[in-house]
């Protein structure tokens, strides 16, 4: 590994489906199915006020490609310059080929490596750490790292406890080789002993679905574990970068639930004003939530060049991780 070779984020982008569904509209749709809920119930427990839902013709790869184009434009580079595409998703278009290969086709950028990462809601953080390692070792120079989901496809719309939580979308970053440190440190973890608290336990066998193709979750167990591991991995990665927590300008955690966001920031001693929250607008978009939130904060001017941003993901597996980045001036 070249000790003077680093990676840095040079562009961000995002994509959302056309159908913006407010809580009031979701309540109406669920009532038609005999499911009772309310805007007040959803906001009080989750902080979510709306979400974007894909229509039947919109796929993860399409959202990913759209977000990628925005990130490429922000970075000022052409798709043909990209030599690595990693897509984090739990809702791929196909069993195979990978969503990343479909994005590569859509962008007209063949030749470089392209593959998917499956770490559910922590997927983008896993993908970013992987791309950073590949750039540092010289296996790639310019990478697209994308989180893309159409989670609405795997929801049980008769389960009020889960169907109100999720939305669809994609977020992307361009990661480029640099002599200036951008990704300062990353740490990834998993504990498969907790796989049962958040999963979609189905598969295809002989043309039939075996098990359940719909998401199931033990919300209380997820909350307790998520807050604990996000606090621990956040501290771990900041220490690994040789910084103190007060030097973190922005915390961008996985946008699962406003209570988790608040509790995570509180445990790490980060003021709520420095926690980026988009769950109210996007709901939980799984692997897309962190890059979506990052793009929002970059484009509205909160996240600026030279600032330290702590990105955290946690989700099914049970998997979690964090990446600390110093934003480049042109991101």
Protein backbone atom coordinates (compact mmCIF):
# COMPACT_ATOMS: atom_id res chain seq x y z
CA UNK A 1 0.00 0.00 0.00
CA UNK A 2 1.31 3.42 -0.93
CA UNK A 3 1.46 5.43 2.35
CA UNK A 4 0.89 8.68 0.45
CA UNK A 5 -2.13 7.42 -1.53
CA UNK A 6 -5.52 8.25 -0.08
CA UNK A 7 -9.10 8.63 -1.27
CA UNK A 8 -11.43 11.60 -0.99
CA UNK A 9 -15.06 12.33 -1.79
CA UNK A 10 -15.25 14.76 -4.72
CA UNK A 11 -18.94 14.65 -5.59
CA UNK A 12 -22.30 13.59 -4.18
CA UNK A 13 -25.67 12.87 -5.77
CA UNK A 14 -29.09 11.46 -5.01
CA UNK A 15 -32.28 10.21 -6.62
CA UNK A 16 -35.83 9.78 -5.38
CA UNK A 17 -38.91 8.23 -7.01
CA UNK A 18 -41.64 10.56 -8.23
CA UNK A 19 -44.30 9.49 -5.71
CA UNK A 20 -43.90 11.53 -2.53
CA UNK A 21 -46.28 9.98 0.00
CA UNK A 22 -47.16 12.05 3.07
CA UNK A 23 -48.25 10.39 6.29
CA UNK A 24 -51.81 11.51 5.59
CA UNK A 25 -51.77 9.82 2.19
CA UNK A 26 -50.19 6.67 3.63
CA UNK A 27 -52.87 6.58 6.33
CA UNK A 28 -55.50 6.75 3.60
CA UNK A 29 -53.89 3.94 1.61
CA UNK A 30 -53.53 1.72 4.66
CA UNK A 31 -57.13 2.39 5.73
CA UNK A 32 -58.23 0.96 2.39
CA UNK A 33 -56.47 -2.26 3.47
CA UNK A 34 -58.12 -2.21 6.90
CA UNK A 35 -54.96 -1.04 8.69
CA UNK A 36 -55.45 1.77 11.20
CA UNK A 37 -52.75 4.33 11.98
CA UNK A 38 -52.39 8.12 12.06
CA UNK A 39 -49.97 10.89 11.22
CA UNK A 40 -49.57 11.59 14.94
CA UNK A 41 -48.73 7.94 15.70
CA UNK A 42 -46.09 7.79 12.95
CA UNK A 43 -44.44 11.12 13.80
CA UNK A 44 -44.36 10.46 17.55
CA UNK A 45 -42.68 7.06 17.20
CA UNK A 46 -40.44 7.64 14.19
CA UNK A 47 -40.17 11.33 13.25
CA UNK A 48 -41.19 10.41 9.69
CA UNK A 49 -43.53 12.80 7.88
CA UNK A 50 -43.23 11.53 4.30
CA UNK A 51 -41.44 9.01 2.11
CA UNK A 52 -40.90 8.37 -1.61
CA UNK A 53 -42.23 5.13 -3.08
CA UNK A 54 -41.19 3.65 -6.41
CA UNK A 55 -43.75 2.59 -8.96
CA UNK A 56 -43.69 -0.89 -10.46
CA UNK A 57 -41.42 0.19 -13.30
CA UNK A 58 -38.70 1.81 -11.17
CA UNK A 59 -35.73 -0.31 -10.13
CA UNK A 60 -32.78 0.05 -7.79
CA UNK A 61 -30.38 0.24 -10.72
CA UNK A 62 -32.34 3.10 -12.31
CA UNK A 63 -32.29 5.13 -9.08
CA UNK A 64 -28.62 4.27 -8.60
CA UNK A 65 -27.70 5.43 -12.11
CA UNK A 66 -29.58 8.71 -11.62
CA UNK A 67 -27.79 9.39 -8.33
CA UNK A 68 -24.48 8.43 -9.94
CA UNK A 69 -24.97 10.94 -12.76
CA UNK A 70 -25.54 13.70 -10.21
CA UNK A 71 -22.42 12.73 -8.29
CA UNK A 72 -20.34 12.60 -11.49
CA UNK A 73 -21.57 16.06 -12.48
CA UNK A 74 -20.70 17.41 -9.03
CA UNK A 75 -17.22 15.88 -9.27
CA UNK A 76 -16.76 17.22 -12.80
CA UNK A 77 -15.72 13.89 -14.30
CA UNK A 78 -17.09 11.63 -17.01
CA UNK A 79 -18.52 8.19 -16.39
CA UNK A 80 -15.81 6.70 -18.62
CA UNK A 81 -13.23 7.84 -16.04
CA UNK A 82 -14.72 5.49 -13.43
CA UNK A 83 -12.83 2.24 -12.86
CA UNK A 84 -14.84 0.90 -9.91
CA UNK A 85 -18.57 0.80 -9.11
CA UNK A 86 -19.85 -0.59 -5.83
CA UNK A 87 -23.59 -0.62 -5.13
CA UNK A 88 -24.91 -1.33 -1.66
CA UNK A 89 -28.42 -2.75 -1.89
CA UNK A 90 -30.75 -5.32 -0.37
CA UNK A 91 -33.23 -4.94 -3.23
CA UNK A 92 -31.27 -5.73 -6.41
CA UNK A 93 -32.99 -5.79 -9.79
CA UNK A 94 -32.04 -9.44 -10.34
CA UNK A 95 -30.54 -12.42 -8.57
CA UNK A 96 -27.68 -11.71 -10.97
CA UNK A 97 -26.04 -9.87 -12.64
CA UNK A 98 -25.22 -7.34 -9.95
CA UNK A 99 -26.97 -4.01 -9.74
CA UNK A 100 -23.52 -2.43 -10.14
CA UNK A 101 -23.12 -4.05 -13.57
CA UNK A 102 -26.51 -2.69 -14.60
CA UNK A 103 -25.47 0.78 -13.45
CA UNK A 104 -22.23 0.45 -15.39
CA UNK A 105 -24.25 -0.40 -18.50
CA UNK A 106 -26.62 2.53 -17.96
CA UNK A 107 -23.72 4.95 -17.58
CA UNK A 108 -21.86 3.62 -20.61
CA UNK A 109 -18.71 3.00 -18.59
CA UNK A 110 -17.60 -0.60 -19.21
CA UNK A 111 -14.31 -2.18 -18.21
CA UNK A 112 -13.81 -1.37 -14.54
CA UNK A 113 -14.75 -3.58 -11.61
CA UNK A 114 -18.42 -3.56 -10.63
CA UNK A 115 -20.07 -5.47 -7.81
CA UNK A 116 -22.72 -5.26 -5.09
CA UNK A 117 -22.34 -5.20 -1.30
CA UNK A 118 -25.08 -6.69 0.88
CA UNK A 119 -24.92 -5.34 4.40
CA UNK A 120 -28.49 -3.99 4.50
CA UNK A 121 -28.72 -0.57 6.20
CA UNK A 122 -24.97 -0.50 6.88
CA UNK A 123 -24.26 -1.30 3.22
CA UNK A 124 -23.12 2.15 2.10
CA UNK A 125 -20.59 2.40 4.92
CA UNK A 126 -19.29 -1.08 4.04
CA UNK A 127 -19.10 -0.12 0.36
CA UNK A 128 -17.30 3.17 1.08
CA UNK A 129 -14.71 1.44 3.28
CA UNK A 130 -14.18 -1.18 0.56
CA UNK A 131 -13.72 1.40 -2.18
CA UNK A 132 -11.30 3.36 0.00
CA UNK A 133 -9.20 0.23 0.56
CA UNK A 134 -9.14 -0.54 -3.16
CA UNK A 135 -8.06 2.99 -4.04
CA UNK A 136 -5.36 3.03 -1.36
CA UNK A 137 -3.90 -0.23 -2.69
CA UNK A 138 -3.92 1.03 -6.27
CA UNK A 139 -6.65 -1.31 -7.52
CA UNK A 140 -8.81 1.68 -8.49
CA UNK A 141 -8.45 5.42 -8.96
CA UNK A 142 -11.97 6.76 -9.41
CA UNK A 143 -14.93 4.98 -7.86
CA UNK A 144 -18.68 5.36 -7.70
CA UNK A 145 -20.04 4.24 -4.34
CA UNK A 146 -23.83 4.00 -4.31
CA UNK A 147 -26.59 3.01 -1.92
CA UNK A 148 -29.85 2.21 -3.70
CA UNK A 149 -33.08 0.62 -2.51
CA UNK A 150 -36.68 -0.06 -3.45
CA UNK A 151 -37.50 -1.33 0.02
CA UNK A 152 -41.23 -0.90 -0.57
CA UNK A 153 -41.06 -4.16 -2.57
CA UNK A 154 -40.25 -6.24 0.50
CA UNK A 155 -42.62 -4.63 3.02
CA UNK A 156 -45.61 -6.31 4.59
CA UNK A 157 -48.23 -3.62 4.01
CA UNK A 158 -50.46 -5.28 6.60
CA UNK A 159 -47.86 -4.75 9.35
CA UNK A 160 -48.30 -1.22 10.69
CA UNK A 161 -45.15 -1.55 12.78
CA UNK A 162 -42.85 -1.82 9.75
CA UNK A 163 -44.60 -0.56 6.61
CA UNK A 164 -44.70 3.06 7.82
CA UNK A 165 -40.93 3.13 8.38
CA UNK A 166 -39.40 2.71 4.95
CA UNK A 167 -38.99 4.52 1.65
CA UNK A 168 -37.13 4.18 -1.64
CA UNK A 169 -34.23 6.12 -3.08
CA UNK A 170 -30.53 6.23 -3.90
CA UNK A 171 -27.47 8.23 -2.95
CA UNK A 172 -24.00 8.22 -4.48
CA UNK A 173 -20.52 9.61 -4.02
CA UNK A 174 -17.51 9.81 -6.30
CA UNK A 175 -14.37 8.68 -4.48
CA UNK A 176 -11.04 9.60 -6.09
CA UNK A 177 -7.40 8.84 -5.37
CA UNK A 178 -5.57 11.75 -3.80
CA UNK A 179 -2.34 12.66 -2.07
CA UNK A 180 -4.50 14.48 0.49
CA UNK A 181 -6.31 12.37 3.11
CA UNK A 182 -10.08 12.31 2.69
CA UNK A 183 -11.26 9.04 4.20
CA UNK A 184 -9.44 9.23 7.54
CA UNK A 185 -10.51 5.94 9.13
CA UNK A 186 -13.13 3.22 8.87
CA UNK A 187 -14.25 0.33 11.03
CA UNK A 188 -16.72 -2.45 10.15
CA UNK A 189 -18.35 -5.05 12.41
CA UNK A 190 -21.06 -7.71 12.41
CA UNK A 191 -22.63 -10.19 14.82
CA UNK A 192 -24.65 -12.88 13.08
CA UNK A 193 -26.03 -14.11 16.40
CA UNK A 194 -28.62 -11.31 16.10
CA UNK A 195 -29.74 -12.13 12.56
CA UNK A 196 -33.29 -12.89 13.63
CA UNK A 197 -34.15 -9.39 14.89
CA UNK A 198 -34.17 -7.83 11.41
CA UNK A 199 -34.40 -9.95 8.26
CA UNK A 200 -36.24 -10.95 5.14
CA UNK A 201 -35.99 -14.73 5.51
CA UNK A 202 -36.90 -15.94 2.03
CA UNK A 203 -35.19 -17.27 -1.07
CA UNK A 204 -36.01 -18.57 -4.52
CA UNK A 205 -35.82 -22.30 -5.10
CA UNK A 206 -37.04 -24.01 -8.26
CA UNK A 207 -38.99 -20.94 -9.27
CA UNK A 208 -40.86 -20.71 -5.97
CA UNK A 209 -40.32 -18.47 -2.94
CA UNK A 210 -39.17 -20.49 0.06
CA UNK A 211 -39.75 -18.78 3.40
CA UNK A 212 -41.00 -15.20 3.65
CA UNK A 213 -40.07 -12.54 1.07
CA UNK A 214 -41.18 -9.76 3.44
CA UNK A 215 -39.26 -7.84 6.07
CA UNK A 216 -39.67 -8.74 9.74
CA UNK A 217 -38.26 -6.76 12.65
CA UNK A 218 -38.10 -6.79 16.43
CA UNK A 219 -38.14 -3.02 16.79
CA UNK A 220 -37.23 -2.86 20.48
CA UNK A 221 -34.26 -5.19 20.06
CA UNK A 222 -33.04 -3.28 17.00
CA UNK A 223 -33.26 0.04 18.87
CA UNK A 224 -31.24 -1.15 21.85
CA UNK A 225 -28.53 -2.78 19.79
CA UNK A 226 -28.34 0.02 17.21
CA UNK A 227 -27.78 2.79 19.75
CA UNK A 228 -25.12 0.77 21.58
CA UNK A 229 -23.07 -0.20 18.52
CA UNK A 230 -23.34 3.19 16.79
CA UNK A 231 -21.94 4.87 19.87
CA UNK A 232 -19.09 2.35 20.16
CA UNK A 233 -18.08 2.32 16.49
CA UNK A 234 -18.30 6.10 16.25
CA UNK A 235 -15.86 6.49 19.11
CA UNK A 236 -13.66 3.75 17.67
CA UNK A 237 -13.29 5.34 14.26
CA UNK A 238 -12.71 8.87 15.61
CA UNK A 239 -9.97 7.52 17.86
CA UNK A 240 -8.47 5.58 14.95
CA UNK A 241 -8.24 8.84 13.01
CA UNK A 242 -6.38 10.50 15.90
CA UNK A 243 -9.16 13.00 16.57
CA UNK A 244 -11.44 13.89 19.47
CA UNK A 245 -15.23 13.76 19.30
CA UNK A 246 -15.50 17.55 19.58
CA UNK A 247 -13.57 17.78 16.28
CA UNK A 248 -16.40 16.03 14.41
CA UNK A 249 -18.35 18.73 12.59
CA UNK A 250 -21.27 16.55 11.46
CA UNK A 251 -22.70 13.18 12.41
CA UNK A 252 -24.65 11.45 9.64
CA UNK A 253 -26.03 8.19 11.01
CA UNK A 254 -28.27 5.72 9.23
CA UNK A 255 -31.69 7.38 9.06
CA UNK A 256 -33.75 4.65 10.73
CA UNK A 257 -35.76 6.46 13.34
CA UNK A 258 -35.45 9.91 14.89
CA UNK A 259 -35.25 8.37 18.36
CA UNK A 260 -32.18 6.35 17.35
CA UNK A 261 -30.59 9.46 15.80
CA UNK A 262 -31.19 11.51 18.93
CA UNK A 263 -29.99 8.80 21.29
CA UNK A 264 -26.85 8.16 19.24
CA UNK A 265 -25.85 11.81 19.17
CA UNK A 266 -26.60 12.21 22.86
CA UNK A 267 -24.45 9.21 23.85
CA UNK A 268 -21.52 10.52 21.81
CA UNK A 269 -21.86 14.02 23.19
CA UNK A 270 -22.64 15.54 19.78
CA UNK A 271 -25.01 18.48 19.86
CA UNK A 272 -28.33 17.81 18.06
CA UNK A 273 -27.61 20.76 15.76
CA UNK A 274 -24.65 18.79 14.36
CA UNK A 275 -26.65 15.65 13.59
CA UNK A 276 -27.96 15.55 10.01
CA UNK A 277 -31.56 14.33 10.00
CA UNK A 278 -33.46 13.49 6.82
CA UNK A 279 -35.59 10.61 8.10
CA UNK A 280 -38.53 13.04 8.31
CA UNK A 281 -38.36 13.55 4.50
CA UNK A 282 -37.14 10.19 3.22
CA UNK A 283 -38.07 7.67 5.93
CA UNK A 284 -35.68 4.72 6.27
CA UNK A 285 -34.14 4.05 2.84
CA UNK A 286 -31.76 1.37 4.15
CA UNK A 287 -28.41 1.47 2.30
CA UNK A 288 -29.42 4.70 0.56
CA UNK A 289 -30.07 6.69 3.75
CA UNK A 290 -26.51 7.79 4.59
CA UNK A 291 -25.53 8.98 1.07
CA UNK A 292 -28.94 10.63 0.63
CA UNK A 293 -28.46 12.55 3.88
CA UNK A 294 -24.87 13.45 2.95
CA UNK A 295 -25.95 14.80 -0.44
CA UNK A 296 -28.73 16.86 1.15
CA UNK A 297 -26.32 18.40 3.65
CA UNK A 298 -23.71 19.13 0.97
CA UNK A 299 -26.21 20.75 -1.38
CA UNK A 300 -27.86 22.91 1.29
CA UNK A 301 -24.46 24.18 2.39
CA UNK A 302 -24.23 22.65 5.84
CA UNK A 303 -21.41 20.24 4.99
CA UNK A 304 -18.46 22.14 3.53
CA UNK A 305 -14.92 21.47 2.44
CA UNK A 306 -12.46 20.84 5.26
CA UNK A 307 -15.10 19.61 7.70
CA UNK A 308 -14.98 16.25 9.45
CA UNK A 309 -18.08 14.13 8.81
CA UNK A 310 -18.79 10.89 10.67
CA UNK A 311 -20.89 8.47 8.59
CA UNK A 312 -22.48 5.54 10.43
CA UNK A 313 -24.59 2.59 9.34
CA UNK A 314 -26.33 -0.20 11.21
CA UNK A 315 -28.75 -2.87 10.05
CA UNK A 316 -29.63 -6.48 9.48
CA UNK A 317 -26.89 -9.02 9.87
CA UNK A 318 -26.57 -7.65 12.49
CA UNK A 319 -23.96 -5.40 10.81
CA UNK A 320 -22.61 -1.96 11.58
CA UNK A 321 -19.73 0.35 10.78
CA UNK A 322 -18.46 3.91 10.53
CA UNK A 323 -16.28 6.01 8.24
CA UNK A 324 -14.76 9.36 9.19
CA UNK A 325 -14.12 11.64 6.22
CA UNK A 326 -12.62 15.06 5.76
CA UNK A 327 -14.59 16.70 3.00
CA UNK A 328 -12.70 18.07 0.02
CA UNK A 329 -13.29 21.66 -1.04
CA UNK A 330 -14.99 20.65 -4.29
CA UNK A 331 -17.34 17.98 -2.88
